[in-house]
Amino acid sequence: MISARIVQDVETLKALADPARLNILEIMMIDQARTWTAKELAAAIQMPIKKIYYHLGLLEQRDLLHVRDTAVINGIIEKHYAASQESIRFQRGADHPDPDDDMGTLVTTMFDGARANVLSGLRSGSAVMHREAPDDKRVVVSYSASAMSPERAGRFRDALLEVIEEFQATSVPGASQFELLVAIAPRTEP
């Protein structure tokens, strides 16, 4: 298994631009030691079992997950899937200037998923957006813009990548789950 997969090809971006497939990979990457059957994944993301196979097939074709083990249950081969990487990083160069391409869809999917999770937590009371809230409930959402040199922005990006790597490295199977979504980008509009 590789630590971080860098995704920049269109076909893999298309595979990840679907919320269900992104959710499947998130679940698998949280606990690297665990394997999942199609039935377990369908239950985890609340999807009919017949539909999950399509998503698993696409993720397997793009080598984002793999079959780690198989078992024969009542004459049927049951596959046990695992993520092929611990994390995913996305890259697109200047040769793909269209913001509405698959990278745009993927970014929207990730932001919409984080937004839905935060709002669901706030509505249910399982998340609190206050500095004094307990660690297991505290939500931090922040937005800031700043004028700085590109070199300084590069140092911020590097520092954020270190925080992201530490966040991923501290994952403990069975512990409370948290998600982190970070973006730092040149501002193109005033």
C-alpha atoms as a PDB file:
ATOM      1  CA  MET A   1       0.000   0.000   0.000  1.00  0.00           C
ATOM      2  CA  ILE A   2       1.221   3.498  -0.752  1.00  0.00           C
ATOM      3  CA  SER A   3       1.091   6.326   1.745  1.00  0.00           C
ATOM      4  CA  ALA A   4      -0.275   9.180  -0.370  1.00  0.00           C
ATOM      5  CA  ARG A   5      -1.662   8.800  -3.872  1.00  0.00           C
ATOM      6  CA  ILE A   6      -1.399  11.829  -6.121  1.00  0.00           C
ATOM      7  CA  VAL A   7      -4.375  11.979  -8.448  1.00  0.00           C
ATOM      8  CA  GLN A   8      -4.255  14.122 -11.550  1.00  0.00           C
ATOM      9  CA  ASP A   9      -5.669  12.020 -14.374  1.00  0.00           C
ATOM     10  CA  VAL A  10      -9.210  12.661 -15.576  1.00  0.00           C
ATOM     11  CA  GLU A  11     -10.488   9.093 -15.235  1.00  0.00           C
ATOM     12  CA  THR A  12      -9.503   8.823 -11.570  1.00  0.00           C
ATOM     13  CA  LEU A  13     -10.959  12.272 -10.889  1.00  0.00           C
ATOM     14  CA  LYS A  14     -14.223  11.105 -12.461  1.00  0.00           C
ATOM     15  CA  ALA A  15     -14.222   8.026 -10.231  1.00  0.00           C
ATOM     16  CA  LEU A  16     -13.742  10.177  -7.138  1.00  0.00           C
ATOM     17  CA  ALA A  17     -16.200  12.916  -8.123  1.00  0.00           C
ATOM     18  CA  ASP A  18     -19.131  10.778  -6.996  1.00  0.00           C
ATOM     19  CA  PRO A  19     -20.067  11.311  -3.316  1.00  0.00           C
ATOM     20  CA  ALA A  20     -20.725   7.593  -2.751  1.00  0.00           C
ATOM     21  CA  ARG A  21     -17.319   6.535  -4.075  1.00  0.00           C
ATOM     22  CA  LEU A  22     -15.555   9.271  -2.127  1.00  0.00           C
ATOM     23  CA  ASN A  23     -17.413   8.135   0.999  1.00  0.00           C
ATOM     24  CA  ILE A  24     -16.409   4.504   0.423  1.00  0.00           C
ATOM     25  CA  LEU A  25     -12.748   5.475   0.220  1.00  0.00           C
ATOM     26  CA  GLU A  26     -12.951   7.732   3.272  1.00  0.00           C
ATOM     27  CA  ILE A  27     -14.353   4.847   5.318  1.00  0.00           C
ATOM     28  CA  MET A  28     -11.622   2.496   4.130  1.00  0.00           C
ATOM     29  CA  MET A  29      -8.755   4.939   4.645  1.00  0.00           C
ATOM     30  CA  ILE A  30      -9.732   5.667   8.263  1.00  0.00           C
ATOM     31  CA  ASP A  31      -8.864   2.108   9.332  1.00  0.00           C
ATOM     32  CA  GLN A  32      -6.122   0.723   7.097  1.00  0.00           C
ATOM     33  CA  ALA A  33      -6.011  -2.625   8.881  1.00  0.00           C
ATOM     34  CA  ARG A  34      -9.660  -3.412   8.279  1.00  0.00           C
ATOM     35  CA  THR A  35     -11.173  -4.993   5.190  1.00  0.00           C
ATOM     36  CA  TRP A  36     -14.761  -4.458   4.079  1.00  0.00           C
ATOM     37  CA  THR A  37     -17.218  -6.638   2.230  1.00  0.00           C
ATOM     38  CA  ALA A  38     -19.641  -5.107  -0.244  1.00  0.00           C
ATOM     39  CA  LYS A  39     -22.454  -5.807   2.206  1.00  0.00           C
ATOM     40  CA  GLU A  40     -20.662  -3.983   5.039  1.00  0.00           C
ATOM     41  CA  LEU A  41     -19.904  -0.983   2.830  1.00  0.00           C
ATOM     42  CA  ALA A  42     -23.474  -0.839   1.547  1.00  0.00           C
ATOM     43  CA  ALA A  43     -24.731  -0.730   5.124  1.00  0.00           C
ATOM     44  CA  ALA A  44     -22.132   1.873   6.147  1.00  0.00           C
ATOM     45  CA  ILE A  45     -23.102   4.327   3.406  1.00  0.00           C
ATOM     46  CA  GLN A  46     -26.777   3.280   3.314  1.00  0.00           C
ATOM     47  CA  MET A  47     -26.825   2.140  -0.284  1.00  0.00           C
ATOM     48  CA  PRO A  48     -28.575  -0.895  -1.782  1.00  0.00           C
ATOM     49  CA  ILE A  49     -26.156  -3.787  -2.114  1.00  0.00           C
ATOM     50  CA  LYS A  50     -26.810  -4.094  -5.861  1.00  0.00           C
ATOM     51  CA  LYS A  51     -25.603  -0.520  -6.456  1.00  0.00           C
ATOM     52  CA  ILE A  52     -22.446  -0.789  -4.357  1.00  0.00           C
ATOM     53  CA  TYR A  53     -20.844  -3.272  -6.745  1.00  0.00           C
ATOM     54  CA  TYR A  54     -20.800  -0.701  -9.544  1.00  0.00           C
ATOM     55  CA  HIS A  55     -18.953   1.801  -7.331  1.00  0.00           C
ATOM     56  CA  LEU A  56     -16.521  -0.815  -6.027  1.00  0.00           C
ATOM     57  CA  GLY A  57     -15.753  -1.881  -9.596  1.00  0.00           C
ATOM     58  CA  LEU A  58     -14.889   1.670 -10.656  1.00  0.00           C
ATOM     59  CA  LEU A  59     -12.686   2.237  -7.615  1.00  0.00           C
ATOM     60  CA  GLU A  60     -10.937  -1.087  -8.192  1.00  0.00           C
ATOM     61  CA  GLN A  61     -10.358  -0.269 -11.887  1.00  0.00           C
ATOM     62  CA  ARG A  62      -8.635   2.985 -10.859  1.00  0.00           C
ATOM     63  CA  ASP A  63      -6.562   1.052  -8.253  1.00  0.00           C
ATOM     64  CA  LEU A  64      -8.011   3.157  -5.426  1.00  0.00           C
ATOM     65  CA  LEU A  65      -9.018  -0.007  -3.610  1.00  0.00           C
ATOM     66  CA  HIS A  66      -8.086  -3.636  -3.971  1.00  0.00           C
ATOM     67  CA  VAL A  67      -9.265  -7.054  -2.893  1.00  0.00           C
ATOM     68  CA  ARG A  68      -7.148  -8.061   0.084  1.00  0.00           C
ATOM     69  CA  ASP A  69      -8.844 -11.370   0.798  1.00  0.00           C
ATOM     70  CA  THR A  70     -11.634 -13.642  -0.393  1.00  0.00           C
ATOM     71  CA  ALA A  71     -13.810 -16.192   1.352  1.00  0.00           C
ATOM     72  CA  VAL A  72     -16.271 -18.736   0.021  1.00  0.00           C
ATOM     73  CA  ILE A  73     -19.616 -18.340   1.768  1.00  0.00           C
ATOM     74  CA  ASN A  74     -22.308 -20.844   0.744  1.00  0.00           C
ATOM     75  CA  GLY A  75     -20.574 -21.349  -2.604  1.00  0.00           C
ATOM     76  CA  ILE A  76     -20.303 -17.605  -3.322  1.00  0.00           C
ATOM     77  CA  ILE A  77     -16.970 -15.809  -3.380  1.00  0.00           C
ATOM     78  CA  GLU A  78     -17.042 -12.905  -0.948  1.00  0.00           C
ATOM     79  CA  LYS A  79     -14.396 -10.221  -1.566  1.00  0.00           C
ATOM     80  CA  HIS A  80     -12.822  -8.246   1.247  1.00  0.00           C
ATOM     81  CA  TYR A  81     -11.802  -4.787   0.029  1.00  0.00           C
ATOM     82  CA  ALA A  82      -9.217  -2.360   1.398  1.00  0.00           C
ATOM     83  CA  ALA A  83      -7.979   1.058   0.351  1.00  0.00           C
ATOM     84  CA  SER A  84      -4.853   1.053  -1.802  1.00  0.00           C
ATOM     85  CA  GLN A  85      -3.525   4.220  -0.162  1.00  0.00           C
ATOM     86  CA  GLU A  86      -3.607   6.009   3.178  1.00  0.00           C
ATOM     87  CA  SER A  87      -4.491   9.383   1.680  1.00  0.00           C
ATOM     88  CA  ILE A  88      -5.198  11.085  -1.616  1.00  0.00           C
ATOM     89  CA  ARG A  89      -3.832  14.365  -2.917  1.00  0.00           C
ATOM     90  CA  PHE A  90      -5.194  16.052  -5.993  1.00  0.00           C
ATOM     91  CA  GLN A  91      -3.151  17.912  -8.572  1.00  0.00           C
ATOM     92  CA  ARG A  92      -4.041  19.640 -11.796  1.00  0.00           C
ATOM     93  CA  GLY A  93      -1.720  21.730 -13.886  1.00  0.00           C
ATOM     94  CA  ALA A  94      -2.231  24.803 -16.030  1.00  0.00           C
ATOM     95  CA  ASP A  95      -2.948  22.480 -18.961  1.00  0.00           C
ATOM     96  CA  HIS A  96      -6.454  21.932 -17.475  1.00  0.00           C
ATOM     97  CA  PRO A  97      -7.872  25.466 -17.123  1.00  0.00           C
ATOM     98  CA  ASP A  98     -11.569  24.493 -17.191  1.00  0.00           C
ATOM     99  CA  PRO A  99     -12.918  24.909 -13.622  1.00  0.00           C
ATOM    100  CA  ASP A 100     -16.036  22.924 -14.489  1.00  0.00           C
ATOM    101  CA  ASP A 101     -14.144  19.774 -15.408  1.00  0.00           C
ATOM    102  CA  ASP A 102     -13.940  16.722 -13.179  1.00  0.00           C
ATOM    103  CA  MET A 103     -11.625  18.487 -10.712  1.00  0.00           C
ATOM    104  CA  GLY A 104     -14.325  21.119 -10.239  1.00  0.00           C
ATOM    105  CA  THR A 105     -16.879  18.395  -9.608  1.00  0.00           C
ATOM    106  CA  LEU A 106     -14.564  16.710  -7.123  1.00  0.00           C
ATOM    107  CA  VAL A 107     -13.883  19.950  -5.223  1.00  0.00           C
ATOM    108  CA  THR A 108     -17.625  20.628  -5.067  1.00  0.00           C
ATOM    109  CA  THR A 109     -18.273  17.084  -3.823  1.00  0.00           C
ATOM    110  CA  MET A 110     -15.681  17.429  -1.059  1.00  0.00           C
ATOM    111  CA  PHE A 111     -16.912  20.858   0.077  1.00  0.00           C
ATOM    112  CA  ASP A 112     -20.557  19.770  -0.065  1.00  0.00           C
ATOM    113  CA  GLY A 113     -19.777  16.646   1.963  1.00  0.00           C
ATOM    114  CA  ALA A 114     -17.934  18.615   4.650  1.00  0.00           C
ATOM    115  CA  ARG A 115     -20.731  21.211   4.706  1.00  0.00           C
ATOM    116  CA  ALA A 116     -23.388  18.522   5.110  1.00  0.00           C
ATOM    117  CA  ASN A 117     -21.439  16.860   7.924  1.00  0.00           C
ATOM    118  CA  VAL A 118     -20.942  20.138   9.824  1.00  0.00           C
ATOM    119  CA  LEU A 119     -24.597  21.147   9.449  1.00  0.00           C
ATOM    120  CA  SER A 120     -25.827  17.697  10.459  1.00  0.00           C
ATOM    121  CA  GLY A 121     -23.670  17.804  13.584  1.00  0.00           C
ATOM    122  CA  LEU A 122     -24.850  21.295  14.493  1.00  0.00           C
ATOM    123  CA  ARG A 123     -28.503  20.363  13.951  1.00  0.00           C
ATOM    124  CA  SER A 124     -28.250  17.196  16.045  1.00  0.00           C
ATOM    125  CA  GLY A 125     -26.190  18.799  18.798  1.00  0.00           C
ATOM    126  CA  SER A 126     -23.319  16.349  18.304  1.00  0.00           C
ATOM    127  CA  ALA A 127     -21.199  19.277  17.116  1.00  0.00           C
ATOM    128  CA  VAL A 128     -20.838  22.737  18.617  1.00  0.00           C
ATOM    129  CA  MET A 129     -19.291  25.738  16.937  1.00  0.00           C
ATOM    130  CA  HIS A 130     -17.795  27.418  19.997  1.00  0.00           C
ATOM    131  CA  ARG A 131     -14.225  27.764  21.250  1.00  0.00           C
ATOM    132  CA  GLU A 132     -15.164  26.481  24.719  1.00  0.00           C
ATOM    133  CA  ALA A 133     -16.973  23.344  23.472  1.00  0.00           C
ATOM    134  CA  PRO A 134     -15.528  19.969  24.524  1.00  0.00           C
ATOM    135  CA  ASP A 135     -12.956  18.458  22.166  1.00  0.00           C
ATOM    136  CA  ASP A 136     -15.292  15.680  21.027  1.00  0.00           C
ATOM    137  CA  LYS A 137     -17.917  18.219  19.878  1.00  0.00           C
ATOM    138  CA  ARG A 138     -16.008  21.346  18.871  1.00  0.00           C
ATOM    139  CA  VAL A 139     -16.235  22.435  15.242  1.00  0.00           C
ATOM    140  CA  VAL A 140     -13.903  25.027  13.794  1.00  0.00           C
ATOM    141  CA  VAL A 141     -14.858  26.729  10.544  1.00  0.00           C
ATOM    142  CA  SER A 142     -12.712  29.626   9.523  1.00  0.00           C
ATOM    143  CA  TYR A 143     -12.216  31.800   6.486  1.00  0.00           C
ATOM    144  CA  SER A 144      -9.474  34.326   5.977  1.00  0.00           C
ATOM    145  CA  ALA A 145      -7.889  36.244   3.126  1.00  0.00           C
ATOM    146  CA  SER A 146      -4.467  37.839   3.252  1.00  0.00           C
ATOM    147  CA  ALA A 147      -2.089  39.727   0.984  1.00  0.00           C
ATOM    148  CA  MET A 148       1.404  38.213   0.978  1.00  0.00           C
ATOM    149  CA  SER A 149       4.274  37.197  -1.243  1.00  0.00           C
ATOM    150  CA  PRO A 150       3.972  33.942  -3.189  1.00  0.00           C
ATOM    151  CA  GLU A 151       6.947  32.603  -1.181  1.00  0.00           C
ATOM    152  CA  ARG A 152       5.143  33.268   2.117  1.00  0.00           C
ATOM    153  CA  ALA A 153       2.004  31.588   0.743  1.00  0.00           C
ATOM    154  CA  GLY A 154       4.219  28.625  -0.182  1.00  0.00           C
ATOM    155  CA  ARG A 155       5.407  28.360   3.426  1.00  0.00           C
ATOM    156  CA  PHE A 156       1.780  28.357   4.599  1.00  0.00           C
ATOM    157  CA  ARG A 157       0.969  25.581   2.113  1.00  0.00           C
ATOM    158  CA  ASP A 158       3.914  23.528   3.357  1.00  0.00           C
ATOM    159  CA  ALA A 159       2.821  24.033   6.976  1.00  0.00           C
ATOM    160  CA  LEU A 160      -0.741  22.990   6.113  1.00  0.00           C
ATOM    161  CA  LEU A 161       0.526  19.860   4.378  1.00  0.00           C
ATOM    162  CA  GLU A 162       2.464  18.969   7.536  1.00  0.00           C
ATOM    163  CA  VAL A 163      -0.692  19.408   9.639  1.00  0.00           C
ATOM    164  CA  ILE A 164      -2.656  17.250   7.175  1.00  0.00           C
ATOM    165  CA  GLU A 165      -0.010  14.515   7.305  1.00  0.00           C
ATOM    166  CA  GLU A 166      -0.020  14.590  11.120  1.00  0.00           C
ATOM    167  CA  PHE A 167      -3.836  14.467  11.126  1.00  0.00           C
ATOM    168  CA  GLN A 168      -3.799  11.374   8.899  1.00  0.00           C
ATOM    169  CA  ALA A 169      -0.983   9.681  10.814  1.00  0.00           C
ATOM    170  CA  THR A 170      -2.856   9.887  14.119  1.00  0.00           C
ATOM    171  CA  SER A 171      -5.855   7.854  12.956  1.00  0.00           C
ATOM    172  CA  VAL A 172      -6.751   5.178  15.516  1.00  0.00           C
ATOM    173  CA  PRO A 173      -9.228   2.426  14.533  1.00  0.00           C
ATOM    174  CA  GLY A 174     -12.397   2.541  16.613  1.00  0.00           C
ATOM    175  CA  ALA A 175     -11.778   6.060  17.953  1.00  0.00           C
ATOM    176  CA  SER A 176     -14.043   9.064  17.352  1.00  0.00           C
ATOM    177  CA  GLN A 177     -13.878  10.213  13.743  1.00  0.00           C
ATOM    178  CA  PHE A 178     -13.073  13.748  12.621  1.00  0.00           C
ATOM    179  CA  GLU A 179     -12.699  15.231   9.179  1.00  0.00           C
ATOM    180  CA  LEU A 180     -10.430  17.967   7.920  1.00  0.00           C
ATOM    181  CA  LEU A 181     -10.933  19.946   4.725  1.00  0.00           C
ATOM    182  CA  VAL A 182      -8.373  22.612   3.920  1.00  0.00           C
ATOM    183  CA  ALA A 183      -7.933  24.905   0.952  1.00  0.00           C
ATOM    184  CA  ILE A 184      -5.429  27.658   0.315  1.00  0.00           C
ATOM    185  CA  ALA A 185      -5.507  29.204  -3.128  1.00  0.00           C
ATOM    186  CA  PRO A 186      -4.620  32.415  -4.913  1.00  0.00           C
ATOM    187  CA  ARG A 187      -7.584  34.738  -4.828  1.00  0.00           C
ATOM    188  CA  THR A 188      -8.644  35.613  -8.350  1.00  0.00           C
ATOM    189  CA  GLU A 189     -11.487  38.032  -7.578  1.00  0.00           C
ATOM    190  CA  PRO A 190     -11.370  41.125  -5.320  1.00  0.00           C
END
